[in-house]
Amino acid sequence: MKQNALTTIALTTLALLVILLPARQAHAQETKASYPSMAPLDRYLMERNAEITLARSAAPESISRDAQVMVLGEHGYETAVKGKNGFVCVVQRSWTAGIDDPDFWNPKLRAPICFNPPAVRSYLPQTIRKTELILAGRSKAQMFEHIQAALDRKELPAPEFGAMCYMMSKQGGGPVAGKTSGTRTQIARRKALFRIGGRRHCSSIPASPDP
């Protein structure tokens, strides 16, 4: 009888694997194929005031109200609101993700983030340069090659000590640029601050799918 019970459990487990594995494989293939190339530019753009509001939502109001706000235009980021405290708030797009991220071209991703002054000097230039390259028609590979070469030639600065960013937006509950773990998103939001340096970068931040 014990042997029959074990056999039943084994067969049930096998049946579940037969059902679930193809579904998971199909989902993985669908994710990889969902965004094979850049969508039309207008799908990445936002209404200006909505983008300003979303960008400011990344940091406490005491910081974001006096921060510079940059919004995405047809050729790159442009200043929408001048600041006076040294912080800069932006909404990053999907191309700040890693080169192998399946959401690299996802036009729905919105990642509100506010940089402190050291991060403005040392990390924000990468976001701006990446965006300019992508909007100029460079491929994903060309963009990464250009950024690495610019870092090697010190045309772009290395992460500065003390650089960090706020990512406290309540609208940041969707996928993460560079990661898709909901748990990581929740942990990041609770921590509120994300230091730049080592293995961590401000590209791994809560992102909001734009409806």
N, C-alpha and C. Protein backbone atom coordinates (compact mmCIF):
# COMPACT_ATOMS: atom_id res chain seq x y z
N MET A 1 0.84 -1.21 0.00
CA MET A 1 0.00 0.00 0.00
C MET A 1 0.87 1.25 0.00
N LYS A 2 1.96 1.18 0.81
CA LYS A 2 2.89 2.31 0.85
C LYS A 2 3.52 2.52 -0.50
N GLN A 3 3.85 1.39 -1.18
CA GLN A 3 4.46 1.48 -2.50
C GLN A 3 3.50 2.12 -3.50
N ASN A 4 2.22 1.78 -3.40
CA ASN A 4 1.21 2.36 -4.30
C ASN A 4 1.07 3.86 -4.08
N ALA A 5 1.14 4.28 -2.78
CA ALA A 5 1.03 5.70 -2.47
C ALA A 5 2.20 6.47 -3.06
N LEU A 6 3.41 5.91 -2.92
CA LEU A 6 4.60 6.57 -3.47
C LEU A 6 4.52 6.66 -4.98
N THR A 7 4.01 5.59 -5.59
CA THR A 7 3.87 5.59 -7.05
C THR A 7 2.89 6.66 -7.50
N THR A 8 1.79 6.80 -6.75
CA THR A 8 0.79 7.82 -7.08
C THR A 8 1.36 9.22 -6.98
N ILE A 9 2.14 9.48 -5.90
CA ILE A 9 2.77 10.79 -5.72
C ILE A 9 3.74 11.08 -6.86
N ALA A 10 4.53 10.08 -7.23
CA ALA A 10 5.51 10.27 -8.29
C ALA A 10 4.84 10.58 -9.62
N LEU A 11 3.76 9.84 -9.91
CA LEU A 11 3.04 10.07 -11.17
C LEU A 11 2.38 11.44 -11.19
N THR A 12 1.84 11.85 -10.03
CA THR A 12 1.20 13.17 -9.94
C THR A 12 2.22 14.27 -10.17
N THR A 13 3.40 14.13 -9.54
CA THR A 13 4.47 15.12 -9.71
C THR A 13 4.91 15.20 -11.15
N LEU A 14 5.06 14.03 -11.79
CA LEU A 14 5.47 13.99 -13.19
C LEU A 14 4.43 14.67 -14.07
N ALA A 15 3.15 14.40 -13.78
CA ALA A 15 2.09 15.02 -14.57
C ALA A 15 2.12 16.54 -14.45
N LEU A 16 2.37 17.05 -13.23
CA LEU A 16 2.45 18.49 -13.03
C LEU A 16 3.61 19.09 -13.80
N LEU A 17 4.75 18.36 -13.80
CA LEU A 17 5.92 18.85 -14.54
C LEU A 17 5.63 18.91 -16.03
N VAL A 18 4.94 17.87 -16.53
CA VAL A 18 4.61 17.84 -17.95
C VAL A 18 3.71 19.01 -18.33
N ILE A 19 2.83 19.40 -17.41
CA ILE A 19 1.91 20.51 -17.67
C ILE A 19 2.59 21.85 -17.53
N LEU A 20 3.38 22.01 -16.44
CA LEU A 20 3.93 23.32 -16.09
C LEU A 20 5.16 23.71 -16.90
N LEU A 21 6.04 22.75 -17.18
CA LEU A 21 7.29 23.11 -17.86
C LEU A 21 7.06 23.72 -19.23
N PRO A 22 6.21 23.14 -20.10
CA PRO A 22 5.98 23.79 -21.39
C PRO A 22 5.41 25.20 -21.24
N ALA A 23 4.53 25.38 -20.24
CA ALA A 23 3.94 26.71 -20.02
C ALA A 23 5.01 27.71 -19.63
N ARG A 24 5.93 27.30 -18.72
CA ARG A 24 7.00 28.21 -18.30
C ARG A 24 7.94 28.51 -19.45
N GLN A 25 8.24 27.48 -20.25
CA GLN A 25 9.14 27.68 -21.39
C GLN A 25 8.50 28.61 -22.41
N ALA A 26 7.19 28.43 -22.63
CA ALA A 26 6.49 29.30 -23.58
C ALA A 26 6.48 30.73 -23.09
N HIS A 27 6.28 30.92 -21.75
CA HIS A 27 6.28 32.28 -21.19
C HIS A 27 7.65 32.92 -21.35
N ALA A 28 8.72 32.14 -21.10
CA ALA A 28 10.08 32.67 -21.24
C ALA A 28 10.36 33.07 -22.68
N GLN A 29 9.91 32.23 -23.63
CA GLN A 29 10.13 32.55 -25.04
C GLN A 29 9.34 33.78 -25.45
N GLU A 30 8.11 33.89 -24.91
CA GLU A 30 7.28 35.06 -25.22
C GLU A 30 7.91 36.32 -24.69
N THR A 31 8.48 36.27 -23.45
CA THR A 31 9.12 37.43 -22.85
C THR A 31 10.31 37.88 -23.68
N LYS A 32 11.11 36.90 -24.12
CA LYS A 32 12.30 37.23 -24.91
C LYS A 32 11.92 37.86 -26.24
N ALA A 33 10.81 37.41 -26.79
CA ALA A 33 10.43 37.88 -28.12
C ALA A 33 9.53 39.11 -28.09
N SER A 34 9.10 39.52 -26.89
CA SER A 34 8.14 40.60 -26.80
C SER A 34 8.68 41.94 -27.30
N TYR A 35 9.95 42.24 -26.99
CA TYR A 35 10.53 43.54 -27.32
C TYR A 35 11.89 43.34 -28.02
N PRO A 36 11.88 42.81 -29.25
CA PRO A 36 13.14 42.51 -29.94
C PRO A 36 13.87 43.75 -30.45
N SER A 37 13.16 44.86 -30.58
CA SER A 37 13.78 46.08 -31.10
C SER A 37 13.05 47.29 -30.54
N MET A 38 13.60 48.46 -30.82
CA MET A 38 13.01 49.68 -30.30
C MET A 38 11.65 49.96 -30.93
N ALA A 39 10.71 50.36 -30.08
CA ALA A 39 9.37 50.74 -30.56
C ALA A 39 9.43 52.17 -31.10
N PRO A 40 8.39 52.65 -31.75
CA PRO A 40 8.35 54.05 -32.18
C PRO A 40 8.56 54.98 -31.00
N LEU A 41 9.26 56.07 -31.22
CA LEU A 41 9.65 56.98 -30.15
C LEU A 41 8.48 57.46 -29.31
N ASP A 42 7.36 57.74 -29.93
CA ASP A 42 6.25 58.31 -29.17
C ASP A 42 5.73 57.37 -28.08
N ARG A 43 6.04 56.09 -28.18
CA ARG A 43 5.60 55.15 -27.15
C ARG A 43 6.45 55.26 -25.88
N TYR A 44 7.62 55.88 -25.99
CA TYR A 44 8.48 56.07 -24.82
C TYR A 44 8.25 57.44 -24.17
N LEU A 45 7.60 58.32 -24.89
CA LEU A 45 7.40 59.67 -24.38
C LEU A 45 6.18 59.75 -23.47
N MET A 46 6.16 60.76 -22.61
CA MET A 46 5.05 60.99 -21.69
C MET A 46 4.56 62.42 -21.82
N GLU A 47 3.35 62.66 -21.36
CA GLU A 47 2.87 64.03 -21.25
C GLU A 47 3.77 64.74 -20.24
N ARG A 48 4.19 65.96 -20.57
CA ARG A 48 5.24 66.65 -19.82
C ARG A 48 4.93 66.78 -18.32
N ASN A 49 3.77 67.28 -17.98
CA ASN A 49 3.44 67.47 -16.57
C ASN A 49 3.34 66.14 -15.82
N ALA A 50 2.85 65.11 -16.51
CA ALA A 50 2.75 63.79 -15.88
C ALA A 50 4.15 63.24 -15.60
N GLU A 51 5.09 63.49 -16.50
CA GLU A 51 6.45 63.01 -16.29
C GLU A 51 7.13 63.77 -15.15
N ILE A 52 6.87 65.06 -15.05
CA ILE A 52 7.43 65.85 -13.95
C ILE A 52 6.92 65.31 -12.61
N THR A 53 5.64 65.05 -12.54
CA THR A 53 5.04 64.53 -11.31
C THR A 53 5.60 63.17 -10.96
N LEU A 54 5.74 62.29 -11.95
CA LEU A 54 6.27 60.95 -11.71
C LEU A 54 7.73 61.02 -11.26
N ALA A 55 8.52 61.87 -11.90
CA ALA A 55 9.92 62.00 -11.51
C ALA A 55 10.05 62.45 -10.06
N ARG A 56 9.26 63.43 -9.66
CA ARG A 56 9.33 63.96 -8.30
C ARG A 56 8.86 62.93 -7.26
N SER A 57 8.05 61.97 -7.69
CA SER A 57 7.54 60.98 -6.74
C SER A 57 8.62 60.05 -6.22
N ALA A 58 9.81 60.10 -6.81
CA ALA A 58 10.89 59.20 -6.39
C ALA A 58 11.50 59.59 -5.06
N ALA A 59 11.39 60.85 -4.67
CA ALA A 59 12.05 61.33 -3.45
C ALA A 59 11.04 62.01 -2.53
N PRO A 60 11.41 62.19 -1.26
CA PRO A 60 10.53 62.94 -0.35
C PRO A 60 10.26 64.33 -0.90
N GLU A 61 9.08 64.85 -0.64
CA GLU A 61 8.70 66.16 -1.16
C GLU A 61 9.66 67.26 -0.71
N SER A 62 10.24 67.10 0.48
CA SER A 62 11.19 68.09 0.98
C SER A 62 12.43 68.20 0.10
N ILE A 63 12.71 67.14 -0.66
CA ILE A 63 13.86 67.15 -1.57
C ILE A 63 13.40 67.44 -3.00
N SER A 64 12.38 66.74 -3.44
CA SER A 64 11.99 66.84 -4.85
C SER A 64 11.42 68.20 -5.23
N ARG A 65 10.84 68.94 -4.27
CA ARG A 65 10.23 70.23 -4.61
C ARG A 65 11.27 71.23 -5.07
N ASP A 66 12.53 71.09 -4.60
CA ASP A 66 13.59 72.02 -5.00
C ASP A 66 14.60 71.38 -5.95
N ALA A 67 14.29 70.18 -6.42
CA ALA A 67 15.21 69.47 -7.32
C ALA A 67 14.98 69.89 -8.77
N GLN A 68 16.02 69.80 -9.55
CA GLN A 68 15.87 69.96 -10.99
C GLN A 68 15.13 68.74 -11.53
N VAL A 69 14.25 68.95 -12.49
CA VAL A 69 13.53 67.84 -13.10
C VAL A 69 13.82 67.84 -14.60
N MET A 70 14.21 66.67 -15.10
CA MET A 70 14.47 66.50 -16.53
C MET A 70 13.44 65.54 -17.11
N VAL A 71 12.99 65.84 -18.32
CA VAL A 71 12.01 64.99 -18.99
C VAL A 71 12.57 64.55 -20.34
N LEU A 72 12.05 63.46 -20.85
CA LEU A 72 12.53 62.92 -22.11
C LEU A 72 11.91 63.66 -23.29
N GLY A 73 12.77 64.13 -24.19
CA GLY A 73 12.31 64.76 -25.42
C GLY A 73 12.70 63.91 -26.62
N GLU A 74 12.53 64.44 -27.81
CA GLU A 74 12.80 63.67 -29.01
C GLU A 74 14.28 63.34 -29.21
N HIS A 75 15.16 64.13 -28.61
CA HIS A 75 16.59 63.91 -28.81
C HIS A 75 17.32 63.57 -27.52
N GLY A 76 16.61 63.49 -26.41
CA GLY A 76 17.26 63.18 -25.14
C GLY A 76 16.56 63.90 -23.99
N TYR A 77 17.20 63.87 -22.84
CA TYR A 77 16.62 64.54 -21.67
C TYR A 77 16.84 66.04 -21.74
N GLU A 78 15.83 66.78 -21.31
CA GLU A 78 15.92 68.23 -21.28
C GLU A 78 15.36 68.74 -19.96
N THR A 79 15.86 69.85 -19.51
CA THR A 79 15.41 70.40 -18.23
C THR A 79 14.01 70.98 -18.35
N ALA A 80 13.11 70.48 -17.49
CA ALA A 80 11.74 70.98 -17.46
C ALA A 80 11.54 71.94 -16.30
N VAL A 81 12.25 71.67 -15.18
CA VAL A 81 12.15 72.51 -13.99
C VAL A 81 13.56 72.73 -13.46
N LYS A 82 13.94 73.97 -13.25
CA LYS A 82 15.24 74.27 -12.69
C LYS A 82 15.21 74.02 -11.18
N GLY A 83 16.32 73.51 -10.66
CA GLY A 83 16.40 73.20 -9.23
C GLY A 83 17.34 74.13 -8.50
N LYS A 84 17.34 73.99 -7.16
CA LYS A 84 18.24 74.81 -6.36
C LYS A 84 18.87 74.07 -5.19
N ASN A 85 18.70 72.72 -5.14
CA ASN A 85 19.33 71.97 -4.05
C ASN A 85 20.35 70.95 -4.53
N GLY A 86 20.63 70.93 -5.83
CA GLY A 86 21.65 70.03 -6.36
C GLY A 86 21.14 68.66 -6.75
N PHE A 87 19.91 68.31 -6.39
CA PHE A 87 19.33 67.02 -6.76
C PHE A 87 18.71 67.12 -8.16
N VAL A 88 18.66 65.99 -8.84
CA VAL A 88 18.00 65.92 -10.15
C VAL A 88 17.09 64.71 -10.17
N CYS A 89 15.84 64.93 -10.57
CA CYS A 89 14.85 63.84 -10.66
C CYS A 89 14.52 63.59 -12.14
N VAL A 90 14.50 62.33 -12.53
CA VAL A 90 14.16 61.95 -13.90
C VAL A 90 13.32 60.68 -13.87
N VAL A 91 12.77 60.35 -15.02
CA VAL A 91 12.10 59.06 -15.20
C VAL A 91 12.92 58.30 -16.24
N GLN A 92 13.66 57.31 -15.78
CA GLN A 92 14.50 56.54 -16.71
C GLN A 92 13.62 55.61 -17.54
N ARG A 93 14.13 55.30 -18.74
CA ARG A 93 13.42 54.38 -19.64
C ARG A 93 14.14 53.04 -19.66
N SER A 94 13.58 52.12 -20.43
CA SER A 94 14.01 50.73 -20.39
C SER A 94 15.46 50.50 -20.79
N TRP A 95 16.04 51.39 -21.60
CA TRP A 95 17.41 51.16 -22.08
C TRP A 95 18.48 51.42 -21.01
N THR A 96 18.07 51.75 -19.79
CA THR A 96 19.05 51.78 -18.70
C THR A 96 19.24 50.39 -18.11
N ALA A 97 18.51 49.40 -18.62
CA ALA A 97 18.65 48.02 -18.15
C ALA A 97 19.92 47.40 -18.72
N GLY A 98 20.23 46.17 -18.28
CA GLY A 98 21.39 45.44 -18.77
C GLY A 98 21.21 45.02 -20.22
N ILE A 99 22.29 44.73 -20.88
CA ILE A 99 22.26 44.42 -22.31
C ILE A 99 21.44 43.17 -22.63
N ASP A 100 21.38 42.22 -21.70
CA ASP A 100 20.64 40.98 -21.94
C ASP A 100 19.23 41.00 -21.35
N ASP A 101 18.81 42.11 -20.80
CA ASP A 101 17.49 42.17 -20.19
C ASP A 101 16.41 42.10 -21.27
N PRO A 102 15.44 41.18 -21.15
CA PRO A 102 14.40 41.05 -22.17
C PRO A 102 13.51 42.29 -22.28
N ASP A 103 13.52 43.15 -21.27
CA ASP A 103 12.71 44.37 -21.29
C ASP A 103 13.50 45.58 -21.75
N PHE A 104 14.67 45.37 -22.35
CA PHE A 104 15.52 46.49 -22.73
C PHE A 104 14.81 47.49 -23.62
N TRP A 105 13.93 47.01 -24.50
CA TRP A 105 13.21 47.91 -25.40
C TRP A 105 11.76 48.09 -24.99
N ASN A 106 11.38 47.67 -23.80
CA ASN A 106 9.98 47.74 -23.37
C ASN A 106 9.53 49.19 -23.23
N PRO A 107 8.65 49.67 -24.08
CA PRO A 107 8.24 51.08 -24.04
C PRO A 107 7.32 51.41 -22.87
N LYS A 108 6.87 50.38 -22.12
CA LYS A 108 5.96 50.63 -21.01
C LYS A 108 6.69 50.93 -19.70
N LEU A 109 7.98 50.65 -19.64
CA LEU A 109 8.69 50.83 -18.38
C LEU A 109 8.96 52.30 -18.08
N ARG A 110 8.71 52.67 -16.84
CA ARG A 110 8.98 54.02 -16.35
C ARG A 110 9.65 53.88 -14.98
N ALA A 111 10.83 54.45 -14.82
CA ALA A 111 11.60 54.28 -13.59
C ALA A 111 11.93 55.63 -12.96
N PRO A 112 11.07 56.15 -12.09
CA PRO A 112 11.33 57.44 -11.44
C PRO A 112 12.48 57.34 -10.45
N ILE A 113 13.37 58.32 -10.49
CA ILE A 113 14.57 58.29 -9.65
C ILE A 113 15.08 59.71 -9.43
N CYS A 114 15.57 59.98 -8.22
CA CYS A 114 16.16 61.28 -7.91
C CYS A 114 17.60 61.07 -7.44
N PHE A 115 18.53 61.74 -8.08
CA PHE A 115 19.95 61.61 -7.78
C PHE A 115 20.41 62.71 -6.83
N ASN A 116 21.27 62.34 -5.87
CA ASN A 116 21.88 63.37 -5.03
C ASN A 116 23.03 64.02 -5.80
N PRO A 117 23.61 65.12 -5.32
CA PRO A 117 24.64 65.82 -6.10
C PRO A 117 25.81 64.95 -6.58
N PRO A 118 26.41 64.07 -5.74
CA PRO A 118 27.49 63.22 -6.28
C PRO A 118 27.01 62.30 -7.41
N ALA A 119 25.78 61.81 -7.31
CA ALA A 119 25.25 60.95 -8.37
C ALA A 119 24.94 61.77 -9.62
N VAL A 120 24.52 63.02 -9.44
CA VAL A 120 24.28 63.91 -10.59
C VAL A 120 25.56 64.09 -11.38
N ARG A 121 26.67 64.22 -10.66
CA ARG A 121 27.96 64.44 -11.33
C ARG A 121 28.51 63.17 -11.96
N SER A 122 28.24 62.02 -11.35
CA SER A 122 28.96 60.81 -11.77
C SER A 122 28.10 59.71 -12.39
N TYR A 123 26.81 59.67 -12.12
CA TYR A 123 25.98 58.63 -12.71
C TYR A 123 25.00 59.16 -13.75
N LEU A 124 24.38 60.28 -13.47
CA LEU A 124 23.41 60.85 -14.40
C LEU A 124 23.98 61.05 -15.81
N PRO A 125 25.26 61.45 -15.95
CA PRO A 125 25.80 61.60 -17.31
C PRO A 125 25.70 60.32 -18.15
N GLN A 126 25.79 59.15 -17.50
CA GLN A 126 25.64 57.90 -18.24
C GLN A 126 24.21 57.74 -18.76
N THR A 127 23.25 58.03 -17.90
CA THR A 127 21.85 57.94 -18.33
C THR A 127 21.56 58.87 -19.50
N ILE A 128 22.08 60.09 -19.40
CA ILE A 128 21.87 61.08 -20.46
C ILE A 128 22.53 60.62 -21.76
N ARG A 129 23.79 60.14 -21.65
CA ARG A 129 24.51 59.70 -22.85
C ARG A 129 23.85 58.48 -23.49
N LYS A 130 23.46 57.52 -22.68
CA LYS A 130 22.78 56.33 -23.22
C LYS A 130 21.53 56.73 -23.99
N THR A 131 20.77 57.63 -23.41
CA THR A 131 19.53 58.06 -24.03
C THR A 131 19.78 58.78 -25.35
N GLU A 132 20.76 59.65 -25.37
CA GLU A 132 21.09 60.37 -26.60
C GLU A 132 21.52 59.40 -27.71
N LEU A 133 22.30 58.39 -27.35
CA LEU A 133 22.76 57.41 -28.33
C LEU A 133 21.61 56.60 -28.89
N ILE A 134 20.73 56.14 -28.01
CA ILE A 134 19.58 55.35 -28.46
C ILE A 134 18.68 56.17 -29.36
N LEU A 135 18.40 57.42 -28.97
CA LEU A 135 17.50 58.25 -29.77
C LEU A 135 18.15 58.71 -31.08
N ALA A 136 19.48 58.60 -31.14
CA ALA A 136 20.19 58.93 -32.38
C ALA A 136 20.24 57.73 -33.33
N GLY A 137 19.67 56.60 -32.89
CA GLY A 137 19.59 55.44 -33.77
C GLY A 137 20.65 54.39 -33.55
N ARG A 138 21.47 54.53 -32.51
CA ARG A 138 22.48 53.50 -32.23
C ARG A 138 21.81 52.21 -31.77
N SER A 139 22.42 51.09 -32.10
CA SER A 139 21.90 49.80 -31.65
C SER A 139 22.26 49.60 -30.18
N LYS A 140 21.67 48.57 -29.58
CA LYS A 140 21.98 48.25 -28.20
C LYS A 140 23.47 47.99 -28.02
N ALA A 141 24.04 47.16 -28.89
CA ALA A 141 25.46 46.83 -28.80
C ALA A 141 26.34 48.06 -28.99
N GLN A 142 26.00 48.89 -29.96
CA GLN A 142 26.78 50.11 -30.20
C GLN A 142 26.73 51.05 -29.00
N MET A 143 25.57 51.14 -28.38
CA MET A 143 25.43 52.00 -27.21
C MET A 143 26.33 51.53 -26.08
N PHE A 144 26.31 50.23 -25.78
CA PHE A 144 27.13 49.72 -24.70
C PHE A 144 28.62 49.86 -25.01
N GLU A 145 29.01 49.63 -26.26
CA GLU A 145 30.41 49.80 -26.65
C GLU A 145 30.85 51.25 -26.47
N HIS A 146 29.99 52.17 -26.86
CA HIS A 146 30.32 53.60 -26.73
C HIS A 146 30.48 53.99 -25.27
N ILE A 147 29.56 53.53 -24.41
CA ILE A 147 29.62 53.88 -22.99
C ILE A 147 30.89 53.32 -22.37
N GLN A 148 31.21 52.07 -22.68
CA GLN A 148 32.42 51.47 -22.11
C GLN A 148 33.67 52.21 -22.57
N ALA A 149 33.72 52.56 -23.85
CA ALA A 149 34.87 53.30 -24.37
C ALA A 149 34.97 54.66 -23.71
N ALA A 150 33.85 55.32 -23.50
CA ALA A 150 33.86 56.64 -22.86
C ALA A 150 34.32 56.54 -21.41
N LEU A 151 33.95 55.47 -20.73
CA LEU A 151 34.43 55.25 -19.36
C LEU A 151 35.93 54.99 -19.35
N ASP A 152 36.38 54.17 -20.29
CA ASP A 152 37.81 53.85 -20.36
C ASP A 152 38.64 55.09 -20.65
N ARG A 153 38.11 55.99 -21.47
CA ARG A 153 38.84 57.22 -21.81
C ARG A 153 38.58 58.34 -20.79
N LYS A 154 37.77 57.99 -19.77
CA LYS A 154 37.41 58.95 -18.72
C LYS A 154 36.63 60.15 -19.26
N GLU A 155 35.95 59.94 -20.39
CA GLU A 155 35.04 60.96 -20.89
C GLU A 155 33.77 60.98 -20.04
N LEU A 156 33.45 59.83 -19.48
CA LEU A 156 32.36 59.72 -18.51
C LEU A 156 32.97 59.38 -17.16
N PRO A 157 32.50 59.99 -16.10
CA PRO A 157 33.09 59.76 -14.78
C PRO A 157 32.69 58.42 -14.18
N ALA A 158 33.56 57.90 -13.34
CA ALA A 158 33.25 56.70 -12.57
C ALA A 158 32.33 57.10 -11.41
N PRO A 159 31.57 56.15 -10.85
CA PRO A 159 30.70 56.48 -9.71
C PRO A 159 31.48 57.16 -8.58
N GLU A 160 30.95 58.24 -8.11
CA GLU A 160 31.62 59.04 -7.09
C GLU A 160 31.25 58.56 -5.69
N PHE A 161 32.20 58.63 -4.75
CA PHE A 161 31.92 58.23 -3.38
C PHE A 161 30.78 59.07 -2.81
N GLY A 162 29.83 58.40 -2.15
CA GLY A 162 28.71 59.11 -1.56
C GLY A 162 27.54 59.30 -2.51
N ALA A 163 27.69 58.86 -3.75
CA ALA A 163 26.59 58.99 -4.71
C ALA A 163 25.47 58.03 -4.35
N MET A 164 24.24 58.51 -4.40
CA MET A 164 23.10 57.65 -4.12
C MET A 164 21.86 58.25 -4.77
N CYS A 165 20.79 57.47 -4.78
CA CYS A 165 19.57 57.95 -5.40
C CYS A 165 18.36 57.52 -4.60
N TYR A 166 17.31 58.33 -4.67
CA TYR A 166 16.03 58.00 -4.07
C TYR A 166 15.18 57.29 -5.12
N MET A 167 14.41 56.31 -4.66
CA MET A 167 13.49 55.59 -5.56
C MET A 167 12.29 55.15 -4.75
N MET A 168 11.60 56.12 -4.18
CA MET A 168 10.52 55.87 -3.24
C MET A 168 9.13 55.94 -3.87
N SER A 169 9.06 56.03 -5.18
CA SER A 169 7.77 56.21 -5.84
C SER A 169 6.81 55.07 -5.52
N LYS A 170 5.60 55.40 -5.14
CA LYS A 170 4.58 54.38 -4.91
C LYS A 170 4.10 53.79 -6.23
N GLN A 171 4.49 54.44 -7.32
CA GLN A 171 4.13 53.92 -8.63
C GLN A 171 5.22 53.00 -9.16
N GLY A 172 6.18 52.67 -8.32
CA GLY A 172 7.29 51.82 -8.74
C GLY A 172 7.09 50.37 -8.43
N GLY A 173 5.89 49.85 -8.57
CA GLY A 173 5.64 48.47 -8.20
C GLY A 173 5.67 47.49 -9.35
N GLY A 174 6.08 47.93 -10.52
CA GLY A 174 6.12 47.03 -11.66
C GLY A 174 7.47 46.37 -11.78
N PRO A 175 7.84 45.90 -12.99
CA PRO A 175 9.14 45.28 -13.19
C PRO A 175 10.26 46.25 -12.87
N VAL A 176 11.43 45.72 -12.64
CA VAL A 176 12.59 46.54 -12.34
C VAL A 176 13.50 46.59 -13.55
N ALA A 177 13.95 47.76 -13.89
CA ALA A 177 14.87 47.90 -15.01
C ALA A 177 16.14 47.14 -14.69
N GLY A 178 16.40 46.11 -15.43
CA GLY A 178 17.56 45.26 -15.16
C GLY A 178 17.18 44.03 -14.38
N LYS A 179 16.06 44.04 -13.66
CA LYS A 179 15.60 42.89 -12.88
C LYS A 179 14.09 42.81 -13.00
N THR A 180 13.52 41.63 -12.74
CA THR A 180 12.08 41.49 -12.78
C THR A 180 11.54 40.89 -11.50
N SER A 181 12.31 40.96 -10.42
CA SER A 181 11.88 40.38 -9.16
C SER A 181 11.03 41.34 -8.36
N GLY A 182 9.78 40.98 -8.11
CA GLY A 182 8.91 41.82 -7.31
C GLY A 182 9.45 41.98 -5.90
N THR A 183 10.05 40.90 -5.36
CA THR A 183 10.61 40.96 -4.01
C THR A 183 11.72 41.99 -3.94
N ARG A 184 12.58 42.00 -4.95
CA ARG A 184 13.67 42.97 -4.96
C ARG A 184 13.11 44.39 -5.03
N THR A 185 12.05 44.55 -5.80
CA THR A 185 11.42 45.87 -5.90
C THR A 185 10.94 46.34 -4.54
N GLN A 186 10.25 45.46 -3.81
CA GLN A 186 9.73 45.83 -2.50
C GLN A 186 10.84 46.15 -1.53
N ILE A 187 11.91 45.35 -1.56
CA ILE A 187 13.05 45.60 -0.68
C ILE A 187 13.67 46.95 -1.00
N ALA A 188 13.85 47.22 -2.30
CA ALA A 188 14.46 48.49 -2.72
C ALA A 188 13.61 49.66 -2.26
N ARG A 189 12.28 49.52 -2.37
CA ARG A 189 11.41 50.63 -1.99
C ARG A 189 11.49 50.87 -0.48
N ARG A 190 11.57 49.79 0.31
CA ARG A 190 11.65 49.96 1.75
C ARG A 190 12.95 50.64 2.15
N LYS A 191 14.02 50.30 1.43
CA LYS A 191 15.31 50.90 1.75
C LYS A 191 15.35 52.38 1.37
N ALA A 192 14.62 52.73 0.34
CA ALA A 192 14.50 54.12 -0.11
C ALA A 192 15.76 54.65 -0.76
N LEU A 193 16.91 54.44 -0.16
CA LEU A 193 18.16 54.95 -0.72
C LEU A 193 18.92 53.81 -1.37
N PHE A 194 19.57 54.11 -2.46
CA PHE A 194 20.33 53.09 -3.18
C PHE A 194 21.71 53.65 -3.51
N ARG A 195 22.73 53.13 -2.86
CA ARG A 195 24.07 53.66 -3.05
C ARG A 195 24.68 53.15 -4.35
N ILE A 196 25.42 54.01 -5.01
CA ILE A 196 26.09 53.65 -6.26
C ILE A 196 27.50 53.20 -5.95
N GLY A 197 27.95 52.17 -6.62
CA GLY A 197 29.30 51.68 -6.41
C GLY A 197 29.29 50.18 -6.25
N GLY A 198 30.47 49.55 -6.41
CA GLY A 198 30.54 48.11 -6.28
C GLY A 198 29.72 47.45 -7.37
N ARG A 199 28.90 46.49 -6.98
CA ARG A 199 28.09 45.74 -7.93
C ARG A 199 26.71 46.35 -8.13
N ARG A 200 26.40 47.35 -7.35
CA ARG A 200 25.07 47.94 -7.43
C ARG A 200 25.09 49.22 -8.26
N HIS A 201 24.04 49.39 -9.02
CA HIS A 201 23.94 50.59 -9.85
C HIS A 201 22.52 51.12 -9.80
N CYS A 202 22.37 52.37 -10.14
CA CYS A 202 21.04 52.99 -10.08
C CYS A 202 20.15 52.55 -11.22
N SER A 203 20.64 51.67 -12.10
CA SER A 203 19.77 51.16 -13.14
C SER A 203 18.84 50.09 -12.60
N SER A 204 19.20 49.48 -11.47
CA SER A 204 18.34 48.47 -10.86
C SER A 204 17.39 49.15 -9.90
N ILE A 205 16.31 49.67 -10.45
CA ILE A 205 15.41 50.50 -9.66
C ILE A 205 13.97 50.14 -9.95
N PRO A 206 13.05 50.45 -9.03
CA PRO A 206 11.65 50.17 -9.31
C PRO A 206 11.17 50.91 -10.54
N ALA A 207 10.46 50.22 -11.39
CA ALA A 207 9.98 50.82 -12.63
C ALA A 207 8.47 50.69 -12.74
N SER A 208 7.83 51.69 -13.29
CA SER A 208 6.37 51.68 -13.42
C SER A 208 5.96 51.44 -14.86
N PRO A 209 5.21 50.36 -15.13
CA PRO A 209 4.69 50.19 -16.49
C PRO A 209 3.71 51.34 -16.78
N ASP A 210 3.91 52.01 -17.88
CA ASP A 210 3.04 53.12 -18.25
C ASP A 210 1.79 52.56 -18.91
N PRO A 211 0.61 52.90 -18.44
CA PRO A 211 -0.63 52.33 -19.02
C PRO A 211 -0.73 52.59 -20.52
